[in-house]
Every structure is written in C-alpha cells, then in structure tokens.
Amino acid sequence: MEQSFEKKMEDVTNKEGVIGCILTDKSGLCLGVKGKVSSDSAGVIAAMAELVTKIEPGSETPIISLQNEARQCLIHQQGSVIGAIFKEPLA
C-alpha cells in the first residue's frame, strides 16, 4: 500500500503547477508527503475534511478549495484517505 501512495504522490507532484501533496487518514495521521508541504498540516487537513461534510450531510464528499497569494490547496476525501494538493495560485 505504501508504494501505491508513493507512486500516486509522485504522479501528482509531476503535474504542471503542483508544488506538493499530502495524504492523511481521518484521524490526521500523515500517510505521505511530497514536495513543498509540511506533514504538520495533516491534522488540520483531516479536520477540515470532516467538518465540511457536515455542511451538506448525505451528499458526496466535497472538494475544498483554499487560496492565498502564495498557493492554492485542494482537499478531497476518498474512502478513509484524505488528499491535499498544493498548487501555484491561479493567475
């Protein structure tokens, strides 16, 4: 399973504009990190993914998008794994 995560993270970080990614479980345990991302953010990412599902209970898991001047962060949960992709900001 660990090799699968590594391969997926490598594929994602090789995309144009992506500066890093992180995978975490629902408890906030960092499963993997690649690029310019801190593993310290795993707990916050997991908490955000959990809280946003309460906005529209019963619907599909949403994609969370955060952006500032330095970068954009997309967070999505699939099963028990939560992924966050960090990109250069939109122009």
N, C-alpha and C. Protein backbone atom coordinates (compact mmCIF):
# COMPACT_ATOMS: atom_id res chain seq x y z
N MET A 1 0.82 -1.19 0.00
CA MET A 1 0.00 0.00 0.00
C MET A 1 0.87 1.25 0.00
N GLU A 2 1.96 1.23 0.74
CA GLU A 2 2.84 2.40 0.82
C GLU A 2 3.42 2.75 -0.54
N GLN A 3 3.79 1.73 -1.35
CA GLN A 3 4.32 2.00 -2.68
C GLN A 3 3.26 2.65 -3.57
N SER A 4 2.01 2.23 -3.40
CA SER A 4 0.92 2.81 -4.18
C SER A 4 0.78 4.29 -3.86
N PHE A 5 0.83 4.65 -2.56
CA PHE A 5 0.76 6.05 -2.16
C PHE A 5 1.93 6.83 -2.74
N GLU A 6 3.12 6.28 -2.67
CA GLU A 6 4.32 6.95 -3.18
C GLU A 6 4.18 7.20 -4.68
N LYS A 7 3.72 6.20 -5.42
CA LYS A 7 3.56 6.34 -6.87
C LYS A 7 2.53 7.42 -7.19
N LYS A 8 1.39 7.41 -6.49
CA LYS A 8 0.34 8.41 -6.73
C LYS A 8 0.87 9.82 -6.43
N MET A 9 1.56 9.97 -5.30
CA MET A 9 2.09 11.28 -4.94
C MET A 9 3.13 11.75 -5.95
N GLU A 10 3.95 10.85 -6.44
CA GLU A 10 4.95 11.18 -7.46
C GLU A 10 4.27 11.65 -8.74
N ASP A 11 3.22 10.93 -9.16
CA ASP A 11 2.46 11.31 -10.36
C ASP A 11 1.84 12.70 -10.21
N VAL A 12 1.27 12.97 -9.04
CA VAL A 12 0.61 14.26 -8.79
C VAL A 12 1.62 15.39 -8.79
N THR A 13 2.73 15.22 -8.10
CA THR A 13 3.70 16.31 -7.99
C THR A 13 4.43 16.58 -9.30
N ASN A 14 4.36 15.65 -10.25
CA ASN A 14 4.97 15.87 -11.56
C ASN A 14 4.07 16.65 -12.51
N LYS A 15 2.84 16.95 -12.09
CA LYS A 15 1.92 17.73 -12.92
C LYS A 15 2.34 19.21 -12.89
N GLU A 16 2.11 19.90 -13.98
CA GLU A 16 2.46 21.31 -14.08
C GLU A 16 1.70 22.14 -13.04
N GLY A 17 2.41 23.00 -12.34
CA GLY A 17 1.80 23.89 -11.37
C GLY A 17 1.66 23.32 -9.97
N VAL A 18 1.86 22.01 -9.80
CA VAL A 18 1.74 21.38 -8.48
C VAL A 18 3.06 21.53 -7.73
N ILE A 19 2.96 22.01 -6.48
CA ILE A 19 4.18 22.19 -5.69
C ILE A 19 4.31 21.17 -4.56
N GLY A 20 3.24 20.40 -4.32
CA GLY A 20 3.32 19.37 -3.31
C GLY A 20 1.97 18.73 -3.03
N CYS A 21 2.02 17.63 -2.29
CA CYS A 21 0.78 16.95 -1.89
C CYS A 21 1.01 16.20 -0.58
N ILE A 22 -0.10 15.90 0.08
CA ILE A 22 -0.06 15.18 1.34
C ILE A 22 -1.26 14.25 1.40
N LEU A 23 -1.05 13.07 1.98
CA LEU A 23 -2.13 12.11 2.23
C LEU A 23 -2.21 11.88 3.72
N THR A 24 -3.43 11.84 4.23
CA THR A 24 -3.66 11.63 5.65
C THR A 24 -4.87 10.71 5.85
N ASP A 25 -4.96 10.12 7.02
CA ASP A 25 -6.17 9.36 7.32
C ASP A 25 -7.15 10.26 8.06
N LYS A 26 -8.32 9.73 8.38
CA LYS A 26 -9.36 10.53 9.03
C LYS A 26 -8.95 11.04 10.41
N SER A 27 -7.98 10.38 11.02
CA SER A 27 -7.51 10.79 12.35
C SER A 27 -6.43 11.87 12.28
N GLY A 28 -5.97 12.18 11.08
CA GLY A 28 -4.92 13.20 10.94
C GLY A 28 -3.52 12.62 10.91
N LEU A 29 -3.40 11.30 10.81
CA LEU A 29 -2.09 10.66 10.71
C LEU A 29 -1.57 10.84 9.29
N CYS A 30 -0.41 11.43 9.15
CA CYS A 30 0.19 11.66 7.84
C CYS A 30 0.62 10.33 7.22
N LEU A 31 0.06 10.01 6.05
CA LEU A 31 0.39 8.77 5.34
C LEU A 31 1.50 8.97 4.32
N GLY A 32 1.71 10.21 3.93
CA GLY A 32 2.76 10.52 2.97
C GLY A 32 2.74 11.98 2.61
N VAL A 33 3.90 12.50 2.26
CA VAL A 33 4.01 13.91 1.88
C VAL A 33 5.10 14.02 0.81
N LYS A 34 4.89 14.91 -0.15
CA LYS A 34 5.84 15.10 -1.23
C LYS A 34 5.84 16.56 -1.62
N GLY A 35 7.00 17.12 -1.89
CA GLY A 35 7.11 18.49 -2.34
C GLY A 35 7.16 19.48 -1.19
N LYS A 36 6.76 20.72 -1.49
CA LYS A 36 6.84 21.81 -0.52
C LYS A 36 5.59 21.87 0.35
N VAL A 37 5.41 20.84 1.16
CA VAL A 37 4.26 20.71 2.06
C VAL A 37 4.78 20.19 3.39
N SER A 38 4.21 20.67 4.48
CA SER A 38 4.61 20.22 5.80
C SER A 38 3.68 19.11 6.29
N SER A 39 4.26 18.05 6.82
CA SER A 39 3.45 16.96 7.39
C SER A 39 2.68 17.44 8.62
N ASP A 40 3.06 18.58 9.17
CA ASP A 40 2.34 19.16 10.32
C ASP A 40 0.91 19.55 9.96
N SER A 41 0.63 19.72 8.69
CA SER A 41 -0.72 20.13 8.27
C SER A 41 -1.71 18.97 8.18
N ALA A 42 -1.26 17.75 8.35
CA ALA A 42 -2.13 16.57 8.20
C ALA A 42 -3.36 16.62 9.10
N GLY A 43 -3.19 16.97 10.35
CA GLY A 43 -4.31 17.03 11.30
C GLY A 43 -5.34 18.08 10.92
N VAL A 44 -4.88 19.24 10.49
CA VAL A 44 -5.78 20.33 10.09
C VAL A 44 -6.55 19.93 8.83
N ILE A 45 -5.87 19.32 7.88
CA ILE A 45 -6.50 18.88 6.64
C ILE A 45 -7.58 17.84 6.94
N ALA A 46 -7.29 16.88 7.80
CA ALA A 46 -8.28 15.86 8.16
C ALA A 46 -9.49 16.49 8.87
N ALA A 47 -9.23 17.43 9.76
CA ALA A 47 -10.32 18.09 10.49
C ALA A 47 -11.21 18.89 9.54
N MET A 48 -10.60 19.59 8.59
CA MET A 48 -11.39 20.37 7.62
C MET A 48 -12.25 19.45 6.77
N ALA A 49 -11.69 18.34 6.33
CA ALA A 49 -12.46 17.40 5.50
C ALA A 49 -13.65 16.85 6.28
N GLU A 50 -13.46 16.60 7.55
CA GLU A 50 -14.55 16.08 8.40
C GLU A 50 -15.62 17.15 8.62
N LEU A 51 -15.21 18.35 8.93
CA LEU A 51 -16.17 19.43 9.21
C LEU A 51 -17.00 19.83 8.00
N VAL A 52 -16.40 19.84 6.84
CA VAL A 52 -17.13 20.30 5.65
C VAL A 52 -18.23 19.32 5.25
N THR A 53 -18.11 18.06 5.62
CA THR A 53 -19.17 17.09 5.31
C THR A 53 -20.44 17.39 6.09
N LYS A 54 -20.32 18.15 7.18
CA LYS A 54 -21.49 18.49 7.99
C LYS A 54 -22.32 19.62 7.37
N ILE A 55 -21.76 20.33 6.39
CA ILE A 55 -22.50 21.40 5.72
C ILE A 55 -23.64 20.81 4.90
N GLU A 56 -23.37 19.72 4.18
CA GLU A 56 -24.39 19.06 3.38
C GLU A 56 -24.33 17.56 3.65
N PRO A 57 -24.89 17.12 4.78
CA PRO A 57 -24.85 15.69 5.09
C PRO A 57 -25.59 14.87 4.03
N GLY A 58 -25.07 13.70 3.74
CA GLY A 58 -25.71 12.82 2.78
C GLY A 58 -25.28 13.04 1.34
N SER A 59 -24.59 14.13 1.05
CA SER A 59 -24.12 14.37 -0.31
C SER A 59 -22.71 13.78 -0.47
N GLU A 60 -22.25 13.75 -1.72
CA GLU A 60 -20.90 13.26 -1.98
C GLU A 60 -19.88 14.11 -1.23
N THR A 61 -18.72 13.53 -0.97
CA THR A 61 -17.69 14.30 -0.28
C THR A 61 -17.24 15.46 -1.17
N PRO A 62 -17.24 16.66 -0.62
CA PRO A 62 -16.91 17.84 -1.43
C PRO A 62 -15.40 17.98 -1.65
N ILE A 63 -15.06 18.81 -2.60
CA ILE A 63 -13.68 19.21 -2.80
C ILE A 63 -13.55 20.60 -2.19
N ILE A 64 -12.63 20.75 -1.28
CA ILE A 64 -12.40 22.01 -0.58
C ILE A 64 -11.29 22.75 -1.32
N SER A 65 -11.50 24.02 -1.59
CA SER A 65 -10.50 24.83 -2.28
C SER A 65 -10.16 26.05 -1.43
N LEU A 66 -8.89 26.20 -1.12
CA LEU A 66 -8.39 27.34 -0.36
C LEU A 66 -7.31 28.02 -1.19
N GLN A 67 -7.26 29.34 -1.13
CA GLN A 67 -6.24 30.03 -1.92
C GLN A 67 -5.79 31.29 -1.22
N ASN A 68 -4.49 31.56 -1.31
CA ASN A 68 -3.94 32.84 -0.90
C ASN A 68 -2.97 33.30 -1.99
N GLU A 69 -2.19 34.33 -1.74
CA GLU A 69 -1.28 34.85 -2.76
C GLU A 69 -0.20 33.85 -3.12
N ALA A 70 0.17 32.98 -2.21
CA ALA A 70 1.31 32.09 -2.40
C ALA A 70 0.94 30.76 -3.07
N ARG A 71 -0.26 30.23 -2.80
CA ARG A 71 -0.63 28.94 -3.36
C ARG A 71 -2.10 28.62 -3.18
N GLN A 72 -2.52 27.57 -3.85
CA GLN A 72 -3.88 27.07 -3.78
C GLN A 72 -3.81 25.66 -3.20
N CYS A 73 -4.80 25.30 -2.39
CA CYS A 73 -4.86 23.97 -1.78
C CYS A 73 -6.22 23.35 -2.08
N LEU A 74 -6.20 22.15 -2.65
CA LEU A 74 -7.41 21.39 -2.92
C LEU A 74 -7.42 20.16 -2.03
N ILE A 75 -8.51 19.97 -1.28
CA ILE A 75 -8.62 18.86 -0.33
C ILE A 75 -9.81 18.01 -0.72
N HIS A 76 -9.61 16.70 -0.74
CA HIS A 76 -10.70 15.78 -1.07
C HIS A 76 -10.50 14.47 -0.32
N GLN A 77 -11.60 13.92 0.13
CA GLN A 77 -11.57 12.63 0.83
C GLN A 77 -12.12 11.55 -0.08
N GLN A 78 -11.42 10.43 -0.13
CA GLN A 78 -11.91 9.27 -0.88
C GLN A 78 -11.73 8.06 0.03
N GLY A 79 -12.86 7.53 0.48
CA GLY A 79 -12.80 6.43 1.45
C GLY A 79 -12.23 6.94 2.76
N SER A 80 -11.22 6.25 3.25
CA SER A 80 -10.62 6.64 4.53
C SER A 80 -9.37 7.51 4.35
N VAL A 81 -9.05 7.84 3.11
CA VAL A 81 -7.85 8.65 2.83
C VAL A 81 -8.26 10.05 2.37
N ILE A 82 -7.57 11.04 2.90
CA ILE A 82 -7.80 12.44 2.54
C ILE A 82 -6.54 12.94 1.86
N GLY A 83 -6.71 13.54 0.70
CA GLY A 83 -5.58 14.07 -0.04
C GLY A 83 -5.67 15.58 -0.17
N ALA A 84 -4.54 16.22 -0.12
CA ALA A 84 -4.47 17.67 -0.36
C ALA A 84 -3.38 17.91 -1.38
N ILE A 85 -3.73 18.68 -2.41
CA ILE A 85 -2.79 19.03 -3.46
C ILE A 85 -2.54 20.54 -3.37
N PHE A 86 -1.29 20.92 -3.33
CA PHE A 86 -0.90 22.32 -3.26
C PHE A 86 -0.37 22.75 -4.62
N LYS A 87 -0.94 23.83 -5.14
CA LYS A 87 -0.60 24.31 -6.47
C LYS A 87 -0.19 25.76 -6.42
N GLU A 88 0.47 26.19 -7.49
CA GLU A 88 0.74 27.61 -7.65
C GLU A 88 -0.61 28.31 -7.77
N PRO A 89 -0.73 29.54 -7.30
CA PRO A 89 -2.03 30.22 -7.35
C PRO A 89 -2.50 30.44 -8.79
N LEU A 90 -3.82 30.50 -8.94
CA LEU A 90 -4.39 30.79 -10.26
C LEU A 90 -4.03 32.20 -10.66
N ALA A 91 -3.76 32.40 -11.90
CA ALA A 91 -3.37 33.73 -12.38
C ALA A 91 -4.57 34.62 -12.56
